[in-house]
Amino acid sequence: MSAILQSSSWQASLALRFAQRARRTALVHRKHVGPLRVQSPFYPEGEVCHVYLLHPPGGVVGGDQLHINVEVEEGAHALLTTPASGKFYRSNGLIALQQQNLTVQKDATLEWLPQDTILFSNSHVQMNTRVELEAGARFIGWEMLCLGRPASDELYESGLCRQTFELWREGEPLFIERARFDGSQAFMQHAWGMQGYTVSATLVATNADTEVLKAAREVELGVDANDNNGLLSCTLMGDLLVCRLLAYQGETARLTFSRVWQKIRPLLIGREASVPRIWNT
């Protein structure tokens, strides 16, 4: 799939930088070009800075390019989420690009918790996320990809999405994943692929140990494919927790990963989970 783009498409970028100021984290720099914004920061738990990422058009079409750059300075703590599902609409052959670069400096914390991304049938998408961690940095993040809109009887029977996720610590790779979702291929239905599920989601958390894994597996044990809750698997790779989920609905993925996050956050960060109120609207 060649990177076909056109000048009339949205070329949007958003750069954010967080820093420790007095006793709380502040959003000290924001710069946007095109339709990417943030709401004013929230402080529902005191020191931690909660920010909602906004894309006013509501969806991405072929040829659009979105670039998001986030930097969390030493000792700061930011939680980023979105107010609604991201959407990539049907393409006329052009590719929609979303590039996300996240940098977490020494002893800083970033929680990257966007809501799910919906791929409409016949969308052409390239999604890249790269996370760079310095020594002592902590990261909890997830990505949830919904293929088609089965609730509206729209299956992902055509279209192509290439997705990459990279997590690096001090220049060394911790986790690198590249996925290719082609709606026309047998991979979508066969047992060695998506098995007919329409949601693929991954959660990663650094600085994990066996206690964190045990907490995540308490959620895993409650996920039953026979009840259409999907399939959840939690593993520990060194000090990296990796949770993978297949589901039929984006809401299932959101609820399941939210439960995992609420279980592991106190162990990893020393704080009880403060659920963003936007998730309940």
Foldseek 3Di string as FASTA:
>chain_A
DDQDADPVAAEKEKEWEWEDDDQAIDGPDIDMDGQKDKDHWDCPPNRETEIAIDRVVQEHEARYEYEYEYEYDAQHHYEYEHLDEYEYEAYPPHEYEYEYEYEYEALYEYEAEYAAYEYAANHEYEYEYEYEYEHNYKYKYKYKYFAHDVVVPGGNQAYKYWYWYWYYYPNHTDDIDIDIDGNNDPLCCDPVHLVVFGMKMKIKIFQADVVLQVQLVVLQVVQDVVVQLFHWDWDQDPRMIMIITTGRDSVSVSVSVVSSCQRRCCVRPVDGDDDPPSVVD
